[in-house]
Amino acid sequence: MNPLETYLKELTEIRASGAGVKETSYYGPLANLLNEIGKTLKPKVKCIMGLQEQGAVDALNRNLRIR
């Protein structure tokens, strides 16, 4: 089974269970899909969900801290 088929199967299973949360239940399958794709890239890429808040940058590239 290719990574996209695996991803879609996992989404279907979560939805069919009726126990998933609207958004976060689907993070795991998405991370798995992105990691499988990332393995094929040079350099390899790893998906990290739920990163620590690092602030943001506005249109003038000024660093903003959101607290």
PDB file of N, CA and C in Angstrom:
ATOM      1  N   MET A   1       0.855  -1.175   0.000  1.00  0.00           N
ATOM      2  CA  MET A   1       0.000   0.000   0.000  1.00  0.00           C
ATOM      3  C   MET A   1       0.903   1.240   0.000  1.00  0.00           C
ATOM      4  N   ASN A   2       0.603   2.200  -0.856  1.00  0.00           N
ATOM      5  CA  ASN A   2       1.434   3.408  -0.886  1.00  0.00           C
ATOM      6  C   ASN A   2       1.037   4.361   0.252  1.00  0.00           C
ATOM      7  N   PRO A   3       1.874   5.365   0.565  1.00  0.00           N
ATOM      8  CA  PRO A   3       1.612   6.244   1.707  1.00  0.00           C
ATOM      9  C   PRO A   3       0.257   6.966   1.654  1.00  0.00           C
ATOM     10  N   LEU A   4      -0.172   7.364   0.465  1.00  0.00           N
ATOM     11  CA  LEU A   4      -1.466   8.051   0.363  1.00  0.00           C
ATOM     12  C   LEU A   4      -2.607   7.094   0.681  1.00  0.00           C
ATOM     13  N   GLU A   5      -2.529   5.872   0.187  1.00  0.00           N
ATOM     14  CA  GLU A   5      -3.563   4.882   0.495  1.00  0.00           C
ATOM     15  C   GLU A   5      -3.613   4.581   1.992  1.00  0.00           C
ATOM     16  N   THR A   6      -2.448   4.474   2.603  1.00  0.00           N
ATOM     17  CA  THR A   6      -2.375   4.236   4.048  1.00  0.00           C
ATOM     18  C   THR A   6      -3.011   5.391   4.806  1.00  0.00           C
ATOM     19  N   TYR A   7      -2.691   6.615   4.411  1.00  0.00           N
ATOM     20  CA  TYR A   7      -3.251   7.821   5.041  1.00  0.00           C
ATOM     21  C   TYR A   7      -4.779   7.813   4.950  1.00  0.00           C
ATOM     22  N   LEU A   8      -5.298   7.581   3.756  1.00  0.00           N
ATOM     23  CA  LEU A   8      -6.748   7.597   3.567  1.00  0.00           C
ATOM     24  C   LEU A   8      -7.425   6.472   4.351  1.00  0.00           C
ATOM     25  N   LYS A   9      -6.783   5.313   4.427  1.00  0.00           N
ATOM     26  CA  LYS A   9      -7.324   4.194   5.210  1.00  0.00           C
ATOM     27  C   LYS A   9      -7.390   4.570   6.691  1.00  0.00           C
ATOM     28  N   GLU A  10      -6.321   5.195   7.200  1.00  0.00           N
ATOM     29  CA  GLU A  10      -6.301   5.596   8.610  1.00  0.00           C
ATOM     30  C   GLU A  10      -7.380   6.644   8.896  1.00  0.00           C
ATOM     31  N   LEU A  11      -7.575   7.595   7.981  1.00  0.00           N
ATOM     32  CA  LEU A  11      -8.625   8.603   8.171  1.00  0.00           C
ATOM     33  C   LEU A  11      -9.999   7.937   8.217  1.00  0.00           C
ATOM     34  N   THR A  12     -10.207   6.999   7.319  1.00  0.00           N
ATOM     35  CA  THR A  12     -11.485   6.284   7.276  1.00  0.00           C
ATOM     36  C   THR A  12     -11.736   5.526   8.572  1.00  0.00           C
ATOM     37  N   GLU A  13     -10.705   4.874   9.084  1.00  0.00           N
ATOM     38  CA  GLU A  13     -10.849   4.112  10.329  1.00  0.00           C
ATOM     39  C   GLU A  13     -11.169   5.024  11.513  1.00  0.00           C
ATOM     40  N   ILE A  14     -10.502   6.172  11.580  1.00  0.00           N
ATOM     41  CA  ILE A  14     -10.759   7.110  12.675  1.00  0.00           C
ATOM     42  C   ILE A  14     -12.193   7.620  12.599  1.00  0.00           C
ATOM     43  N   ARG A  15     -12.592   8.036  11.409  1.00  0.00           N
ATOM     44  CA  ARG A  15     -13.948   8.572  11.237  1.00  0.00           C
ATOM     45  C   ARG A  15     -15.000   7.506  11.542  1.00  0.00           C
ATOM     46  N   ALA A  16     -14.782   6.295  11.056  1.00  0.00           N
ATOM     47  CA  ALA A  16     -15.748   5.208  11.261  1.00  0.00           C
ATOM     48  C   ALA A  16     -15.878   4.828  12.737  1.00  0.00           C
ATOM     49  N   SER A  17     -14.815   5.041  13.502  1.00  0.00           N
ATOM     50  CA  SER A  17     -14.862   4.685  14.920  1.00  0.00           C
ATOM     51  C   SER A  17     -15.818   5.591  15.694  1.00  0.00           C
ATOM     52  N   GLY A  18     -16.001   6.815  15.198  1.00  0.00           N
ATOM     53  CA  GLY A  18     -16.862   7.770  15.888  1.00  0.00           C
ATOM     54  C   GLY A  18     -16.241   8.343  17.143  1.00  0.00           C
ATOM     55  N   ALA A  19     -15.014   7.959  17.444  1.00  0.00           N
ATOM     56  CA  ALA A  19     -14.359   8.390  18.675  1.00  0.00           C
ATOM     57  C   ALA A  19     -13.345   9.507  18.452  1.00  0.00           C
ATOM     58  N   GLY A  20     -13.163   9.916  17.203  1.00  0.00           N
ATOM     59  CA  GLY A  20     -12.159  10.931  16.901  1.00  0.00           C
ATOM     60  C   GLY A  20     -12.607  12.337  17.250  1.00  0.00           C
ATOM     61  N   VAL A  21     -11.644  13.177  17.559  1.00  0.00           N
ATOM     62  CA  VAL A  21     -11.880  14.603  17.782  1.00  0.00           C
ATOM     63  C   VAL A  21     -11.756  15.276  16.424  1.00  0.00           C
ATOM     64  N   LYS A  22     -12.545  16.317  16.173  1.00  0.00           N
ATOM     65  CA  LYS A  22     -12.607  16.939  14.850  1.00  0.00           C
ATOM     66  C   LYS A  22     -11.254  17.124  14.176  1.00  0.00           C
ATOM     67  N   GLU A  23     -10.296  17.668  14.853  1.00  0.00           N
ATOM     68  CA  GLU A  23      -9.039  18.017  14.197  1.00  0.00           C
ATOM     69  C   GLU A  23      -7.874  17.143  14.650  1.00  0.00           C
ATOM     70  N   THR A  24      -7.619  17.099  15.925  1.00  0.00           N
ATOM     71  CA  THR A  24      -6.379  16.490  16.414  1.00  0.00           C
ATOM     72  C   THR A  24      -6.288  14.984  16.196  1.00  0.00           C
ATOM     73  N   SER A  25      -7.395  14.301  16.059  1.00  0.00           N
ATOM     74  CA  SER A  25      -7.351  12.855  15.816  1.00  0.00           C
ATOM     75  C   SER A  25      -6.683  12.522  14.496  1.00  0.00           C
ATOM     76  N   TYR A  26      -6.634  13.477  13.612  1.00  0.00           N
ATOM     77  CA  TYR A  26      -6.089  13.245  12.274  1.00  0.00           C
ATOM     78  C   TYR A  26      -4.631  13.673  12.152  1.00  0.00           C
ATOM     79  N   TYR A  27      -4.060  14.218  13.205  1.00  0.00           N
ATOM     80  CA  TYR A  27      -2.658  14.653  13.160  1.00  0.00           C
ATOM     81  C   TYR A  27      -1.700  13.473  12.966  1.00  0.00           C
ATOM     82  N   GLY A  28      -1.938  12.380  13.645  1.00  0.00           N
ATOM     83  CA  GLY A  28      -1.047  11.219  13.549  1.00  0.00           C
ATOM     84  C   GLY A  28      -0.942  10.692  12.127  1.00  0.00           C
ATOM     85  N   PRO A  29      -2.085  10.408  11.483  1.00  0.00           N
ATOM     86  CA  PRO A  29      -2.009   9.941  10.102  1.00  0.00           C
ATOM     87  C   PRO A  29      -1.349  10.960   9.158  1.00  0.00           C
ATOM     88  N   LEU A  30      -1.604  12.239   9.384  1.00  0.00           N
ATOM     89  CA  LEU A  30      -0.974  13.263   8.548  1.00  0.00           C
ATOM     90  C   LEU A  30       0.538  13.276   8.756  1.00  0.00           C
ATOM     91  N   ALA A  31       0.979  13.184  10.000  1.00  0.00           N
ATOM     92  CA  ALA A  31       2.418  13.140  10.287  1.00  0.00           C
ATOM     93  C   ALA A  31       3.055  11.918   9.638  1.00  0.00           C
ATOM     94  N   ASN A  32       2.372  10.773   9.694  1.00  0.00           N
ATOM     95  CA  ASN A  32       2.897   9.560   9.059  1.00  0.00           C
ATOM     96  C   ASN A  32       3.046   9.754   7.557  1.00  0.00           C
ATOM     97  N   LEU A  33       2.040  10.359   6.919  1.00  0.00           N
ATOM     98  CA  LEU A  33       2.100  10.612   5.483  1.00  0.00           C
ATOM     99  C   LEU A  33       3.263  11.528   5.142  1.00  0.00           C
ATOM    100  N   LEU A  34       3.383  12.632   5.873  1.00  0.00           N
ATOM    101  CA  LEU A  34       4.449  13.587   5.603  1.00  0.00           C
ATOM    102  C   LEU A  34       5.822  12.972   5.847  1.00  0.00           C
ATOM    103  N   ASN A  35       5.946  12.130   6.864  1.00  0.00           N
ATOM    104  CA  ASN A  35       7.228  11.467   7.134  1.00  0.00           C
ATOM    105  C   ASN A  35       7.600  10.487   6.027  1.00  0.00           C
ATOM    106  N   GLU A  36       6.613   9.773   5.504  1.00  0.00           N
ATOM    107  CA  GLU A  36       6.894   8.853   4.395  1.00  0.00           C
ATOM    108  C   GLU A  36       7.364   9.625   3.167  1.00  0.00           C
ATOM    109  N   ILE A  37       6.736  10.743   2.894  1.00  0.00           N
ATOM    110  CA  ILE A  37       7.168  11.586   1.773  1.00  0.00           C
ATOM    111  C   ILE A  37       8.536  12.180   2.074  1.00  0.00           C
ATOM    112  N   GLY A  38       8.736  12.623   3.307  1.00  0.00           N
ATOM    113  CA  GLY A  38       9.998  13.231   3.718  1.00  0.00           C
ATOM    114  C   GLY A  38      11.187  12.299   3.590  1.00  0.00           C
ATOM    115  N   LYS A  39      10.955  11.001   3.734  1.00  0.00           N
ATOM    116  CA  LYS A  39      12.043  10.025   3.595  1.00  0.00           C
ATOM    117  C   LYS A  39      12.605   9.991   2.176  1.00  0.00           C
ATOM    118  N   THR A  40      11.783  10.416   1.209  1.00  0.00           N
ATOM    119  CA  THR A  40      12.212  10.356  -0.192  1.00  0.00           C
ATOM    120  C   THR A  40      12.943  11.617  -0.631  1.00  0.00           C
ATOM    121  N   LEU A  41      12.955  12.644   0.203  1.00  0.00           N
ATOM    122  CA  LEU A  41      13.567  13.921  -0.158  1.00  0.00           C
ATOM    123  C   LEU A  41      15.030  13.962   0.221  1.00  0.00           C
ATOM    124  N   LYS A  42      15.759  14.864  -0.406  1.00  0.00           N
ATOM    125  CA  LYS A  42      17.165  15.103  -0.060  1.00  0.00           C
ATOM    126  C   LYS A  42      17.317  16.585   0.202  1.00  0.00           C
ATOM    127  N   PRO A  43      17.619  17.012   1.410  1.00  0.00           N
ATOM    128  CA  PRO A  43      17.795  16.179   2.600  1.00  0.00           C
ATOM    129  C   PRO A  43      16.459  15.634   3.090  1.00  0.00           C
ATOM    130  N   LYS A  44      16.538  14.574   3.863  1.00  0.00           N
ATOM    131  CA  LYS A  44      15.333  13.970   4.424  1.00  0.00           C
ATOM    132  C   LYS A  44      14.643  14.970   5.351  1.00  0.00           C
ATOM    133  N   VAL A  45      13.333  14.891   5.408  1.00  0.00           N
ATOM    134  CA  VAL A  45      12.531  15.824   6.196  1.00  0.00           C
ATOM    135  C   VAL A  45      11.688  15.034   7.184  1.00  0.00           C
ATOM    136  N   LYS A  46      11.566  15.530   8.405  1.00  0.00           N
ATOM    137  CA  LYS A  46      10.777  14.884   9.466  1.00  0.00           C
ATOM    138  C   LYS A  46       9.685  15.848   9.908  1.00  0.00           C
ATOM    139  N   CYS A  47       8.465  15.364   9.981  1.00  0.00           N
ATOM    140  CA  CYS A  47       7.327  16.158  10.436  1.00  0.00           C
ATOM    141  C   CYS A  47       7.284  16.147  11.964  1.00  0.00           C
ATOM    142  N   ILE A  48       7.196  17.336  12.551  1.00  0.00           N
ATOM    143  CA  ILE A  48       7.060  17.455  14.000  1.00  0.00           C
ATOM    144  C   ILE A  48       5.776  18.240  14.268  1.00  0.00           C
ATOM    145  N   MET A  49       4.786  17.554  14.795  1.00  0.00           N
ATOM    146  CA  MET A  49       3.501  18.198  15.093  1.00  0.00           C
ATOM    147  C   MET A  49       3.584  18.876  16.459  1.00  0.00           C
ATOM    148  N   GLY A  50       2.855  19.967  16.616  1.00  0.00           N
ATOM    149  CA  GLY A  50       2.767  20.640  17.908  1.00  0.00           C
ATOM    150  C   GLY A  50       4.041  21.330  18.327  1.00  0.00           C
ATOM    151  N   LEU A  51       4.626  22.098  17.432  1.00  0.00           N
ATOM    152  CA  LEU A  51       5.846  22.813  17.778  1.00  0.00           C
ATOM    153  C   LEU A  51       5.605  23.872  18.843  1.00  0.00           C
ATOM    154  N   GLN A  52       6.633  24.149  19.591  1.00  0.00           N
ATOM    155  CA  GLN A  52       6.603  25.193  20.603  1.00  0.00           C
ATOM    156  C   GLN A  52       6.392  26.551  19.933  1.00  0.00           C
ATOM    157  N   GLU A  53       5.655  27.448  20.563  1.00  0.00           N
ATOM    158  CA  GLU A  53       5.418  28.789  20.025  1.00  0.00           C
ATOM    159  C   GLU A  53       6.730  29.533  19.882  1.00  0.00           C
ATOM    160  N   GLN A  54       7.005  30.004  18.688  1.00  0.00           N
ATOM    161  CA  GLN A  54       8.241  30.730  18.412  1.00  0.00           C
ATOM    162  C   GLN A  54       7.982  32.181  18.019  1.00  0.00           C
ATOM    163  N   GLY A  55       6.734  32.624  18.139  1.00  0.00           N
ATOM    164  CA  GLY A  55       6.395  33.970  17.705  1.00  0.00           C
ATOM    165  C   GLY A  55       6.025  33.959  16.242  1.00  0.00           C
ATOM    166  N   ALA A  56       5.940  35.128  15.663  1.00  0.00           N
ATOM    167  CA  ALA A  56       5.551  35.249  14.262  1.00  0.00           C
ATOM    168  C   ALA A  56       6.312  36.399  13.634  1.00  0.00           C
ATOM    169  N   VAL A  57       6.190  36.507  12.326  1.00  0.00           N
ATOM    170  CA  VAL A  57       6.838  37.597  11.596  1.00  0.00           C
ATOM    171  C   VAL A  57       5.753  38.333  10.834  1.00  0.00           C
ATOM    172  N   ASP A  58       5.761  39.672  10.906  1.00  0.00           N
ATOM    173  CA  ASP A  58       4.759  40.443  10.181  1.00  0.00           C
ATOM    174  C   ASP A  58       5.229  40.714   8.749  1.00  0.00           C
ATOM    175  N   ALA A  59       4.465  41.503   8.008  1.00  0.00           N
ATOM    176  CA  ALA A  59       4.760  41.772   6.597  1.00  0.00           C
ATOM    177  C   ALA A  59       6.104  42.468   6.407  1.00  0.00           C
ATOM    178  N   LEU A  60       6.608  43.143   7.424  1.00  0.00           N
ATOM    179  CA  LEU A  60       7.892  43.838   7.323  1.00  0.00           C
ATOM    180  C   LEU A  60       9.025  42.996   7.901  1.00  0.00           C
ATOM    181  N   ASN A  61       8.769  41.716   8.099  1.00  0.00           N
ATOM    182  CA  ASN A  61       9.752  40.777   8.662  1.00  0.00           C
ATOM    183  C   ASN A  61      10.235  41.163  10.052  1.00  0.00           C
ATOM    184  N   ARG A  62       9.351  41.801  10.822  1.00  0.00           N
ATOM    185  CA  ARG A  62       9.674  42.110  12.227  1.00  0.00           C
ATOM    186  C   ARG A  62       9.187  40.942  13.069  1.00  0.00           C
ATOM    187  N   ASN A  63      10.018  40.501  13.986  1.00  0.00           N
ATOM    188  CA  ASN A  63       9.633  39.412  14.878  1.00  0.00           C
ATOM    189  C   ASN A  63       8.566  39.899  15.855  1.00  0.00           C
ATOM    190  N   LEU A  64       7.544  39.116  16.012  1.00  0.00           N
ATOM    191  CA  LEU A  64       6.454  39.414  16.947  1.00  0.00           C
ATOM    192  C   LEU A  64       6.396  38.302  17.976  1.00  0.00           C
ATOM    193  N   ARG A  65       6.202  38.656  19.216  1.00  0.00           N
ATOM    194  CA  ARG A  65       6.008  37.655  20.262  1.00  0.00           C
ATOM    195  C   ARG A  65       4.566  37.687  20.682  1.00  0.00           C
ATOM    196  N   ILE A  66       3.929  36.531  20.616  1.00  0.00           N
ATOM    197  CA  ILE A  66       2.537  36.421  21.015  1.00  0.00           C
ATOM    198  C   ILE A  66       2.510  35.780  22.381  1.00  0.00           C
ATOM    199  N   ARG A  67       1.931  36.464  23.338  1.00  0.00           N
ATOM    200  CA  ARG A  67       1.874  35.948  24.701  1.00  0.00           C
ATOM    201  C   ARG A  67       0.467  35.893  25.181  1.00  0.00           C
TER     202      ARG A  67
END
